[in-house]
Amino acid sequence: MTEKTAYALAQEIGERLKQARLNRDFTQSEVASLAGVARKTVLNAEKGKAQLDIFIAIMIALDLTDHLDRFLPRQEISPVQLARLQGKKRQRASGQRRDRDEDQSEW
């Protein structure tokens, strides 16, 4: 398997986004309106030049969010990681208390 650069993968995702738009017979302006972004933003996303929130907004506009689980499946926490995290839970008070006399005002 050939390794691709981040730039190449971004371009490929942009092309897929464009094809999804064309398959649904939407113009860039229509997608932009649905996503709440400018048409030029959709154009840039189709070139692979978009921030994650813009990419997701366009996916929502194209009704593609059901594909997110295949794109990046939900990651379950491993038992080892869970054990490590539980070991860091606070077990007791620190024992460092401020002097209560300082807290009271001298009226």
PDB file of N, CA and C in Angstrom:
ATOM      1  N   MET A   1       0.843  -1.171   0.000  1.00  0.00           N
ATOM      2  CA  MET A   1       0.000   0.000   0.000  1.00  0.00           C
ATOM      3  C   MET A   1       0.892   1.239   0.000  1.00  0.00           C
ATOM      4  N   THR A   2       0.600   2.168  -0.865  1.00  0.00           N
ATOM      5  CA  THR A   2       1.387   3.388  -0.963  1.00  0.00           C
ATOM      6  C   THR A   2       0.912   4.382   0.091  1.00  0.00           C
ATOM      7  N   GLU A   3       1.871   4.986   0.746  1.00  0.00           N
ATOM      8  CA  GLU A   3       1.504   5.992   1.733  1.00  0.00           C
ATOM      9  C   GLU A   3       1.295   7.328   1.037  1.00  0.00           C
ATOM     10  N   LYS A   4       0.230   8.002   1.394  1.00  0.00           N
ATOM     11  CA  LYS A   4      -0.082   9.290   0.800  1.00  0.00           C
ATOM     12  C   LYS A   4       0.222  10.390   1.803  1.00  0.00           C
ATOM     13  N   THR A   5       0.508  11.553   1.275  1.00  0.00           N
ATOM     14  CA  THR A   5       0.728  12.700   2.144  1.00  0.00           C
ATOM     15  C   THR A   5      -0.609  13.240   2.624  1.00  0.00           C
ATOM     16  N   ALA A   6      -0.559  14.063   3.658  1.00  0.00           N
ATOM     17  CA  ALA A   6      -1.779  14.685   4.172  1.00  0.00           C
ATOM     18  C   ALA A   6      -2.424  15.546   3.083  1.00  0.00           C
ATOM     19  N   TYR A   7      -1.610  16.219   2.312  1.00  0.00           N
ATOM     20  CA  TYR A   7      -2.111  17.062   1.222  1.00  0.00           C
ATOM     21  C   TYR A   7      -2.849  16.215   0.177  1.00  0.00           C
ATOM     22  N   ALA A   8      -2.254  15.084  -0.196  1.00  0.00           N
ATOM     23  CA  ALA A   8      -2.874  14.211  -1.198  1.00  0.00           C
ATOM     24  C   ALA A   8      -4.185  13.628  -0.687  1.00  0.00           C
ATOM     25  N   LEU A   9      -4.217  13.240   0.586  1.00  0.00           N
ATOM     26  CA  LEU A   9      -5.454  12.706   1.162  1.00  0.00           C
ATOM     27  C   LEU A   9      -6.532  13.789   1.234  1.00  0.00           C
ATOM     28  N   ALA A  10      -6.144  15.018   1.573  1.00  0.00           N
ATOM     29  CA  ALA A  10      -7.111  16.117   1.630  1.00  0.00           C
ATOM     30  C   ALA A  10      -7.706  16.379   0.253  1.00  0.00           C
ATOM     31  N   GLN A  11      -6.862  16.322  -0.786  1.00  0.00           N
ATOM     32  CA  GLN A  11      -7.363  16.502  -2.154  1.00  0.00           C
ATOM     33  C   GLN A  11      -8.332  15.392  -2.539  1.00  0.00           C
ATOM     34  N   GLU A  12      -8.002  14.172  -2.156  1.00  0.00           N
ATOM     35  CA  GLU A  12      -8.881  13.041  -2.479  1.00  0.00           C
ATOM     36  C   GLU A  12     -10.223  13.165  -1.771  1.00  0.00           C
ATOM     37  N   ILE A  13     -10.213  13.575  -0.521  1.00  0.00           N
ATOM     38  CA  ILE A  13     -11.464  13.771   0.218  1.00  0.00           C
ATOM     39  C   ILE A  13     -12.275  14.889  -0.430  1.00  0.00           C
ATOM     40  N   GLY A  14     -11.591  15.943  -0.862  1.00  0.00           N
ATOM     41  CA  GLY A  14     -12.273  17.035  -1.557  1.00  0.00           C
ATOM     42  C   GLY A  14     -12.935  16.564  -2.831  1.00  0.00           C
ATOM     43  N   GLU A  15     -12.245  15.713  -3.597  1.00  0.00           N
ATOM     44  CA  GLU A  15     -12.817  15.159  -4.827  1.00  0.00           C
ATOM     45  C   GLU A  15     -14.046  14.301  -4.526  1.00  0.00           C
ATOM     46  N   ARG A  16     -13.982  13.540  -3.457  1.00  0.00           N
ATOM     47  CA  ARG A  16     -15.127  12.706  -3.072  1.00  0.00           C
ATOM     48  C   ARG A  16     -16.310  13.570  -2.652  1.00  0.00           C
ATOM     49  N   LEU A  17     -16.008  14.656  -1.961  1.00  0.00           N
ATOM     50  CA  LEU A  17     -17.059  15.587  -1.564  1.00  0.00           C
ATOM     51  C   LEU A  17     -17.721  16.198  -2.801  1.00  0.00           C
ATOM     52  N   LYS A  18     -16.914  16.567  -3.765  1.00  0.00           N
ATOM     53  CA  LYS A  18     -17.439  17.134  -5.014  1.00  0.00           C
ATOM     54  C   LYS A  18     -18.311  16.120  -5.743  1.00  0.00           C
ATOM     55  N   GLN A  19     -17.847  14.872  -5.814  1.00  0.00           N
ATOM     56  CA  GLN A  19     -18.617  13.838  -6.501  1.00  0.00           C
ATOM     57  C   GLN A  19     -19.941  13.579  -5.796  1.00  0.00           C
ATOM     58  N   ALA A  20     -19.922  13.616  -4.457  1.00  0.00           N
ATOM     59  CA  ALA A  20     -21.166  13.435  -3.700  1.00  0.00           C
ATOM     60  C   ALA A  20     -22.145  14.566  -4.010  1.00  0.00           C
ATOM     61  N   ARG A  21     -21.625  15.788  -4.125  1.00  0.00           N
ATOM     62  CA  ARG A  21     -22.474  16.926  -4.469  1.00  0.00           C
ATOM     63  C   ARG A  21     -23.071  16.747  -5.860  1.00  0.00           C
ATOM     64  N   LEU A  22     -22.232  16.360  -6.823  1.00  0.00           N
ATOM     65  CA  LEU A  22     -22.710  16.167  -8.195  1.00  0.00           C
ATOM     66  C   LEU A  22     -23.717  15.023  -8.278  1.00  0.00           C
ATOM     67  N   ASN A  23     -23.495  13.961  -7.537  1.00  0.00           N
ATOM     68  CA  ASN A  23     -24.426  12.827  -7.521  1.00  0.00           C
ATOM     69  C   ASN A  23     -25.810  13.239  -7.019  1.00  0.00           C
ATOM     70  N   ARG A  24     -25.832  14.223  -6.121  1.00  0.00           N
ATOM     71  CA  ARG A  24     -27.105  14.703  -5.586  1.00  0.00           C
ATOM     72  C   ARG A  24     -27.673  15.861  -6.431  1.00  0.00           C
ATOM     73  N   ASP A  25     -26.964  16.224  -7.483  1.00  0.00           N
ATOM     74  CA  ASP A  25     -27.376  17.270  -8.414  1.00  0.00           C
ATOM     75  C   ASP A  25     -27.548  18.620  -7.721  1.00  0.00           C
ATOM     76  N   PHE A  26     -26.603  18.948  -6.825  1.00  0.00           N
ATOM     77  CA  PHE A  26     -26.579  20.243  -6.148  1.00  0.00           C
ATOM     78  C   PHE A  26     -25.504  21.110  -6.771  1.00  0.00           C
ATOM     79  N   THR A  27     -25.774  22.401  -6.839  1.00  0.00           N
ATOM     80  CA  THR A  27     -24.731  23.342  -7.232  1.00  0.00           C
ATOM     81  C   THR A  27     -23.911  23.682  -5.991  1.00  0.00           C
ATOM     82  N   GLN A  28     -22.754  24.280  -6.208  1.00  0.00           N
ATOM     83  CA  GLN A  28     -21.945  24.712  -5.070  1.00  0.00           C
ATOM     84  C   GLN A  28     -22.699  25.754  -4.253  1.00  0.00           C
ATOM     85  N   SER A  29     -23.439  26.603  -4.924  1.00  0.00           N
ATOM     86  CA  SER A  29     -24.220  27.636  -4.227  1.00  0.00           C
ATOM     87  C   SER A  29     -25.303  27.020  -3.338  1.00  0.00           C
ATOM     88  N   GLU A  30     -25.957  25.980  -3.835  1.00  0.00           N
ATOM     89  CA  GLU A  30     -26.997  25.314  -3.037  1.00  0.00           C
ATOM     90  C   GLU A  30     -26.402  24.660  -1.800  1.00  0.00           C
ATOM     91  N   VAL A  31     -25.279  23.995  -1.973  1.00  0.00           N
ATOM     92  CA  VAL A  31     -24.614  23.355  -0.829  1.00  0.00           C
ATOM     93  C   VAL A  31     -24.153  24.421   0.153  1.00  0.00           C
ATOM     94  N   ALA A  32     -23.604  25.516  -0.362  1.00  0.00           N
ATOM     95  CA  ALA A  32     -23.143  26.599   0.503  1.00  0.00           C
ATOM     96  C   ALA A  32     -24.292  27.152   1.336  1.00  0.00           C
ATOM     97  N   SER A  33     -25.439  27.334   0.701  1.00  0.00           N
ATOM     98  CA  SER A  33     -26.609  27.843   1.407  1.00  0.00           C
ATOM     99  C   SER A  33     -27.052  26.872   2.503  1.00  0.00           C
ATOM    100  N   LEU A  34     -27.112  25.593   2.176  1.00  0.00           N
ATOM    101  CA  LEU A  34     -27.506  24.581   3.160  1.00  0.00           C
ATOM    102  C   LEU A  34     -26.512  24.466   4.311  1.00  0.00           C
ATOM    103  N   ALA A  35     -25.222  24.631   4.004  1.00  0.00           N
ATOM    104  CA  ALA A  35     -24.171  24.488   5.015  1.00  0.00           C
ATOM    105  C   ALA A  35     -23.923  25.775   5.786  1.00  0.00           C
ATOM    106  N   GLY A  36     -24.458  26.881   5.283  1.00  0.00           N
ATOM    107  CA  GLY A  36     -24.259  28.161   5.958  1.00  0.00           C
ATOM    108  C   GLY A  36     -22.867  28.739   5.743  1.00  0.00           C
ATOM    109  N   VAL A  37     -22.303  28.472   4.560  1.00  0.00           N
ATOM    110  CA  VAL A  37     -20.977  28.988   4.217  1.00  0.00           C
ATOM    111  C   VAL A  37     -21.046  29.650   2.848  1.00  0.00           C
ATOM    112  N   ALA A  38     -19.961  30.285   2.455  1.00  0.00           N
ATOM    113  CA  ALA A  38     -19.893  30.926   1.140  1.00  0.00           C
ATOM    114  C   ALA A  38     -19.632  29.883   0.052  1.00  0.00           C
ATOM    115  N   ARG A  39     -20.021  30.197  -1.182  1.00  0.00           N
ATOM    116  CA  ARG A  39     -19.784  29.280  -2.299  1.00  0.00           C
ATOM    117  C   ARG A  39     -18.300  29.013  -2.475  1.00  0.00           C
ATOM    118  N   LYS A  40     -17.478  30.025  -2.292  1.00  0.00           N
ATOM    119  CA  LYS A  40     -16.030  29.857  -2.426  1.00  0.00           C
ATOM    120  C   LYS A  40     -15.490  28.875  -1.369  1.00  0.00           C
ATOM    121  N   THR A  41     -16.115  28.825  -0.217  1.00  0.00           N
ATOM    122  CA  THR A  41     -15.718  27.884   0.828  1.00  0.00           C
ATOM    123  C   THR A  41     -15.975  26.454   0.367  1.00  0.00           C
ATOM    124  N   VAL A  42     -17.107  26.234  -0.294  1.00  0.00           N
ATOM    125  CA  VAL A  42     -17.409  24.906  -0.850  1.00  0.00           C
ATOM    126  C   VAL A  42     -16.391  24.567  -1.931  1.00  0.00           C
ATOM    127  N   LEU A  43     -16.073  25.522  -2.776  1.00  0.00           N
ATOM    128  CA  LEU A  43     -15.071  25.321  -3.824  1.00  0.00           C
ATOM    129  C   LEU A  43     -13.725  24.914  -3.208  1.00  0.00           C
ATOM    130  N   ASN A  44     -13.310  25.624  -2.166  1.00  0.00           N
ATOM    131  CA  ASN A  44     -12.050  25.290  -1.498  1.00  0.00           C
ATOM    132  C   ASN A  44     -12.105  23.911  -0.847  1.00  0.00           C
ATOM    133  N   ALA A  45     -13.239  23.561  -0.262  1.00  0.00           N
ATOM    134  CA  ALA A  45     -13.382  22.240   0.359  1.00  0.00           C
ATOM    135  C   ALA A  45     -13.236  21.142  -0.686  1.00  0.00           C
ATOM    136  N   GLU A  46     -13.774  21.394  -1.880  1.00  0.00           N
ATOM    137  CA  GLU A  46     -13.679  20.406  -2.950  1.00  0.00           C
ATOM    138  C   GLU A  46     -12.254  20.293  -3.496  1.00  0.00           C
ATOM    139  N   LYS A  47     -11.429  21.262  -3.171  1.00  0.00           N
ATOM    140  CA  LYS A  47     -10.007  21.197  -3.533  1.00  0.00           C
ATOM    141  C   LYS A  47      -9.177  20.616  -2.390  1.00  0.00           C
ATOM    142  N   GLY A  48      -9.842  20.292  -1.290  1.00  0.00           N
ATOM    143  CA  GLY A  48      -9.141  19.722  -0.143  1.00  0.00           C
ATOM    144  C   GLY A  48      -8.584  20.764   0.800  1.00  0.00           C
ATOM    145  N   LYS A  49      -9.107  21.969   0.706  1.00  0.00           N
ATOM    146  CA  LYS A  49      -8.616  23.075   1.534  1.00  0.00           C
ATOM    147  C   LYS A  49      -9.750  23.590   2.418  1.00  0.00           C
ATOM    148  N   ALA A  50     -10.103  22.821   3.429  1.00  0.00           N
ATOM    149  CA  ALA A  50     -11.185  23.233   4.329  1.00  0.00           C
ATOM    150  C   ALA A  50     -10.859  22.808   5.750  1.00  0.00           C
ATOM    151  N   GLN A  51     -11.331  23.602   6.680  1.00  0.00           N
ATOM    152  CA  GLN A  51     -11.199  23.231   8.078  1.00  0.00           C
ATOM    153  C   GLN A  51     -12.218  22.144   8.399  1.00  0.00           C
ATOM    154  N   LEU A  52     -11.971  21.437   9.466  1.00  0.00           N
ATOM    155  CA  LEU A  52     -12.814  20.300   9.827  1.00  0.00           C
ATOM    156  C   LEU A  52     -14.274  20.699  10.021  1.00  0.00           C
ATOM    157  N   ASP A  53     -14.537  21.802  10.684  1.00  0.00           N
ATOM    158  CA  ASP A  53     -15.931  22.194  10.912  1.00  0.00           C
ATOM    159  C   ASP A  53     -16.655  22.526   9.611  1.00  0.00           C
ATOM    160  N   ILE A  54     -15.935  23.088   8.643  1.00  0.00           N
ATOM    161  CA  ILE A  54     -16.522  23.374   7.335  1.00  0.00           C
ATOM    162  C   ILE A  54     -16.817  22.061   6.605  1.00  0.00           C
ATOM    163  N   PHE A  55     -15.866  21.151   6.652  1.00  0.00           N
ATOM    164  CA  PHE A  55     -16.033  19.834   6.026  1.00  0.00           C
ATOM    165  C   PHE A  55     -17.281  19.141   6.585  1.00  0.00           C
ATOM    166  N   ILE A  56     -17.443  19.182   7.890  1.00  0.00           N
ATOM    167  CA  ILE A  56     -18.592  18.527   8.526  1.00  0.00           C
ATOM    168  C   ILE A  56     -19.893  19.238   8.153  1.00  0.00           C
ATOM    169  N   ALA A  57     -19.872  20.562   8.091  1.00  0.00           N
ATOM    170  CA  ALA A  57     -21.074  21.308   7.691  1.00  0.00           C
ATOM    171  C   ALA A  57     -21.509  20.923   6.283  1.00  0.00           C
ATOM    172  N   ILE A  58     -20.549  20.750   5.397  1.00  0.00           N
ATOM    173  CA  ILE A  58     -20.879  20.342   4.030  1.00  0.00           C
ATOM    174  C   ILE A  58     -21.382  18.901   4.009  1.00  0.00           C
ATOM    175  N   MET A  59     -20.786  18.036   4.835  1.00  0.00           N
ATOM    176  CA  MET A  59     -21.284  16.656   4.930  1.00  0.00           C
ATOM    177  C   MET A  59     -22.730  16.636   5.417  1.00  0.00           C
ATOM    178  N   ILE A  60     -23.049  17.489   6.369  1.00  0.00           N
ATOM    179  CA  ILE A  60     -24.426  17.572   6.863  1.00  0.00           C
ATOM    180  C   ILE A  60     -25.352  18.037   5.741  1.00  0.00           C
ATOM    181  N   ALA A  61     -24.927  19.051   4.995  1.00  0.00           N
ATOM    182  CA  ALA A  61     -25.736  19.570   3.895  1.00  0.00           C
ATOM    183  C   ALA A  61     -25.983  18.509   2.825  1.00  0.00           C
ATOM    184  N   LEU A  62     -25.001  17.629   2.617  1.00  0.00           N
ATOM    185  CA  LEU A  62     -25.139  16.576   1.613  1.00  0.00           C
ATOM    186  C   LEU A  62     -25.704  15.275   2.201  1.00  0.00           C
ATOM    187  N   ASP A  63     -26.088  15.318   3.477  1.00  0.00           N
ATOM    188  CA  ASP A  63     -26.649  14.156   4.172  1.00  0.00           C
ATOM    189  C   ASP A  63     -25.681  12.970   4.138  1.00  0.00           C
ATOM    190  N   LEU A  64     -24.432  13.230   4.468  1.00  0.00           N
ATOM    191  CA  LEU A  64     -23.395  12.188   4.459  1.00  0.00           C
ATOM    192  C   LEU A  64     -22.891  11.819   5.849  1.00  0.00           C
ATOM    193  N   THR A  65     -23.491  12.353   6.888  1.00  0.00           N
ATOM    194  CA  THR A  65     -22.950  12.127   8.225  1.00  0.00           C
ATOM    195  C   THR A  65     -23.072  10.680   8.695  1.00  0.00           C
ATOM    196  N   ASP A  66     -23.974   9.906   8.077  1.00  0.00           N
ATOM    197  CA  ASP A  66     -24.070   8.494   8.460  1.00  0.00           C
ATOM    198  C   ASP A  66     -22.804   7.724   8.057  1.00  0.00           C
ATOM    199  N   HIS A  67     -21.987   8.308   7.198  1.00  0.00           N
ATOM    200  CA  HIS A  67     -20.749   7.664   6.769  1.00  0.00           C
ATOM    201  C   HIS A  67     -19.590   7.910   7.733  1.00  0.00           C
ATOM    202  N   LEU A  68     -19.788   8.757   8.721  1.00  0.00           N
ATOM    203  CA  LEU A  68     -18.697   9.079   9.640  1.00  0.00           C
ATOM    204  C   LEU A  68     -18.211   7.863  10.425  1.00  0.00           C
ATOM    205  N   ASP A  69     -19.119   6.958  10.775  1.00  0.00           N
ATOM    206  CA  ASP A  69     -18.701   5.770  11.524  1.00  0.00           C
ATOM    207  C   ASP A  69     -17.786   4.871  10.703  1.00  0.00           C
ATOM    208  N   ARG A  70     -17.986   4.862   9.409  1.00  0.00           N
ATOM    209  CA  ARG A  70     -17.073   4.091   8.554  1.00  0.00           C
ATOM    210  C   ARG A  70     -15.766   4.839   8.329  1.00  0.00           C
ATOM    211  N   PHE A  71     -15.867   6.162   8.246  1.00  0.00           N
ATOM    212  CA  PHE A  71     -14.696   7.000   8.028  1.00  0.00           C
ATOM    213  C   PHE A  71     -13.764   6.951   9.239  1.00  0.00           C
ATOM    214  N   LEU A  72     -14.337   7.129  10.427  1.00  0.00           N
ATOM    215  CA  LEU A  72     -13.561   7.089  11.660  1.00  0.00           C
ATOM    216  C   LEU A  72     -14.429   6.448  12.734  1.00  0.00           C
ATOM    217  N   PRO A  73     -14.332   5.127  12.879  1.00  0.00           N
ATOM    218  CA  PRO A  73     -15.183   4.426  13.846  1.00  0.00           C
ATOM    219  C   PRO A  73     -14.954   4.932  15.274  1.00  0.00           C
ATOM    220  N   ARG A  74     -16.002   4.875  16.066  1.00  0.00           N
ATOM    221  CA  ARG A  74     -15.904   5.250  17.472  1.00  0.00           C
ATOM    222  C   ARG A  74     -14.866   4.358  18.147  1.00  0.00           C
ATOM    223  N   GLN A  75     -14.000   4.965  18.930  1.00  0.00           N
ATOM    224  CA  GLN A  75     -12.928   4.239  19.594  1.00  0.00           C
ATOM    225  C   GLN A  75     -13.326   3.935  21.033  1.00  0.00           C
ATOM    226  N   GLU A  76     -13.326   2.666  21.357  1.00  0.00           N
ATOM    227  CA  GLU A  76     -13.625   2.251  22.725  1.00  0.00           C
ATOM    228  C   GLU A  76     -12.342   2.334  23.544  1.00  0.00           C
ATOM    229  N   ILE A  77     -12.496   2.638  24.816  1.00  0.00           N
ATOM    230  CA  ILE A  77     -11.330   2.716  25.682  1.00  0.00           C
ATOM    231  C   ILE A  77     -10.878   1.291  26.028  1.00  0.00           C
ATOM    232  N   SER A  78      -9.591   1.077  25.977  1.00  0.00           N
ATOM    233  CA  SER A  78      -9.068  -0.262  26.260  1.00  0.00           C
ATOM    234  C   SER A  78      -9.094  -0.512  27.767  1.00  0.00           C
ATOM    235  N   PRO A  79      -9.182  -1.775  28.198  1.00  0.00           N
ATOM    236  CA  PRO A  79      -9.167  -2.083  29.629  1.00  0.00           C
ATOM    237  C   PRO A  79      -7.898  -1.576  30.320  1.00  0.00           C
ATOM    238  N   VAL A  80      -6.777  -1.622  29.614  1.00  0.00           N
ATOM    239  CA  VAL A  80      -5.517  -1.144  30.192  1.00  0.00           C
ATOM    240  C   VAL A  80      -5.598   0.359  30.428  1.00  0.00           C
ATOM    241  N   GLN A  81      -6.087   1.111  29.440  1.00  0.00           N
ATOM    242  CA  GLN A  81      -6.219   2.563  29.593  1.00  0.00           C
ATOM    243  C   GLN A  81      -7.214   2.897  30.692  1.00  0.00           C
ATOM    244  N   LEU A  82      -8.299   2.150  30.773  1.00  0.00           N
ATOM    245  CA  LEU A  82      -9.292   2.372  31.810  1.00  0.00           C
ATOM    246  C   LEU A  82      -8.668   2.173  33.190  1.00  0.00           C
ATOM    247  N   ALA A  83      -7.870   1.130  33.340  1.00  0.00           N
ATOM    248  CA  ALA A  83      -7.195   0.873  34.616  1.00  0.00           C
ATOM    249  C   ALA A  83      -6.244   2.014  34.962  1.00  0.00           C
ATOM    250  N   ARG A  84      -5.533   2.525  33.965  1.00  0.00           N
ATOM    251  CA  ARG A  84      -4.616   3.653  34.211  1.00  0.00           C
ATOM    252  C   ARG A  84      -5.379   4.887  34.659  1.00  0.00           C
ATOM    253  N   LEU A  85      -6.496   5.156  34.008  1.00  0.00           N
ATOM    254  CA  LEU A  85      -7.281   6.327  34.372  1.00  0.00           C
ATOM    255  C   LEU A  85      -7.874   6.202  35.771  1.00  0.00           C
ATOM    256  N   GLN A  86      -8.320   5.003  36.121  1.00  0.00           N
ATOM    257  CA  GLN A  86      -8.900   4.811  37.434  1.00  0.00           C
ATOM    258  C   GLN A  86      -7.842   4.935  38.521  1.00  0.00           C
ATOM    259  N   GLY A  87      -6.627   4.614  38.203  1.00  0.00           N
ATOM    260  CA  GLY A  87      -5.554   4.763  39.169  1.00  0.00           C
ATOM    261  C   GLY A  87      -5.283   6.215  39.500  1.00  0.00           C
ATOM    262  N   LYS A  88      -5.727   7.127  38.664  1.00  0.00           N
ATOM    263  CA  LYS A  88      -5.480   8.546  38.886  1.00  0.00           C
ATOM    264  C   LYS A  88      -6.654   9.253  39.542  1.00  0.00           C
ATOM    265  N   LYS A  89      -7.698   8.530  39.854  1.00  0.00           N
ATOM    266  CA  LYS A  89      -8.827   9.161  40.516  1.00  0.00           C
ATOM    267  C   LYS A  89      -8.421   9.571  41.924  1.00  0.00           C
ATOM    268  N   ARG A  90      -8.992  10.671  42.331  1.00  0.00           N
ATOM    269  CA  ARG A  90      -8.691  11.169  43.664  1.00  0.00           C
ATOM    270  C   ARG A  90      -9.259  10.207  44.696  1.00  0.00           C
ATOM    271  N   GLN A  91      -8.422   9.765  45.599  1.00  0.00           N
ATOM    272  CA  GLN A  91      -8.827   8.795  46.601  1.00  0.00           C
ATOM    273  C   GLN A  91      -9.186   9.443  47.940  1.00  0.00           C
ATOM    274  N   ARG A  92      -8.542  10.565  48.242  1.00  0.00           N
ATOM    275  CA  ARG A  92      -8.789  11.233  49.527  1.00  0.00           C
ATOM    276  C   ARG A  92      -8.417  12.704  49.402  1.00  0.00           C
ATOM    277  N   ALA A  93      -8.728  13.435  50.437  1.00  0.00           N
ATOM    278  CA  ALA A  93      -8.407  14.855  50.464  1.00  0.00           C
ATOM    279  C   ALA A  93      -6.903  15.043  50.547  1.00  0.00           C
ATOM    280  N   SER A  94      -6.433  16.197  50.116  1.00  0.00           N
ATOM    281  CA  SER A  94      -4.990  16.451  50.084  1.00  0.00           C
ATOM    282  C   SER A  94      -4.404  16.669  51.464  1.00  0.00           C
ATOM    283  N   GLY A  95      -5.225  17.070  52.421  1.00  0.00           N
ATOM    284  CA  GLY A  95      -4.706  17.315  53.758  1.00  0.00           C
ATOM    285  C   GLY A  95      -4.177  18.723  53.930  1.00  0.00           C
ATOM    286  N   GLN A  96      -4.135  19.490  52.884  1.00  0.00           N
ATOM    287  CA  GLN A  96      -3.667  20.870  52.969  1.00  0.00           C
ATOM    288  C   GLN A  96      -4.868  21.771  53.155  1.00  0.00           C
ATOM    289  N   ARG A  97      -4.998  22.274  54.359  1.00  0.00           N
ATOM    290  CA  ARG A  97      -6.133  23.136  54.656  1.00  0.00           C
ATOM    291  C   ARG A  97      -5.627  24.524  55.014  1.00  0.00           C
ATOM    292  N   ARG A  98      -6.431  25.493  54.649  1.00  0.00           N
ATOM    293  CA  ARG A  98      -6.102  26.849  55.075  1.00  0.00           C
ATOM    294  C   ARG A  98      -6.529  27.012  56.516  1.00  0.00           C
ATOM    295  N   ASP A  99      -5.841  27.842  57.208  1.00  0.00           N
ATOM    296  CA  ASP A  99      -6.182  28.094  58.607  1.00  0.00           C
ATOM    297  C   ASP A  99      -7.544  28.765  58.659  1.00  0.00           C
ATOM    298  N   ARG A 100      -8.477  28.202  59.376  1.00  0.00           N
ATOM    299  CA  ARG A 100      -9.836  28.721  59.431  1.00  0.00           C
ATOM    300  C   ARG A 100      -9.892  30.105  60.096  1.00  0.00           C
ATOM    301  N   ASP A 101      -8.964  30.406  60.968  1.00  0.00           N
ATOM    302  CA  ASP A 101      -8.971  31.705  61.629  1.00  0.00           C
ATOM    303  C   ASP A 101      -8.713  32.836  60.632  1.00  0.00           C
ATOM    304  N   GLU A 102      -7.959  32.569  59.560  1.00  0.00           N
ATOM    305  CA  GLU A 102      -7.669  33.585  58.562  1.00  0.00           C
ATOM    306  C   GLU A 102      -8.896  33.912  57.738  1.00  0.00           C
ATOM    307  N   ASP A 103      -9.783  32.944  57.600  1.00  0.00           N
ATOM    308  CA  ASP A 103     -10.982  33.142  56.794  1.00  0.00           C
ATOM    309  C   ASP A 103     -12.021  34.030  57.482  1.00  0.00           C
ATOM    310  N   GLN A 104     -12.006  34.055  58.793  1.00  0.00           N
ATOM    311  CA  GLN A 104     -12.994  34.838  59.522  1.00  0.00           C
ATOM    312  C   GLN A 104     -12.541  36.284  59.596  1.00  0.00           C
ATOM    313  N   SER A 105     -13.448  37.183  59.366  1.00  0.00           N
ATOM    314  CA  SER A 105     -13.102  38.601  59.444  1.00  0.00           C
ATOM    315  C   SER A 105     -13.098  39.060  60.901  1.00  0.00           C
ATOM    316  N   GLU A 106     -12.366  40.089  61.166  1.00  0.00           N
ATOM    317  CA  GLU A 106     -12.270  40.600  62.539  1.00  0.00           C
ATOM    318  C   GLU A 106     -13.171  41.807  62.700  1.00  0.00           C
ATOM    319  N   TRP A 107     -14.436  41.591  62.894  1.00  0.00           N
ATOM    320  CA  TRP A 107     -15.393  42.680  63.035  1.00  0.00           C
ATOM    321  C   TRP A 107     -15.476  43.095  64.445  1.00  0.00           C
TER     322      TRP A 107
END
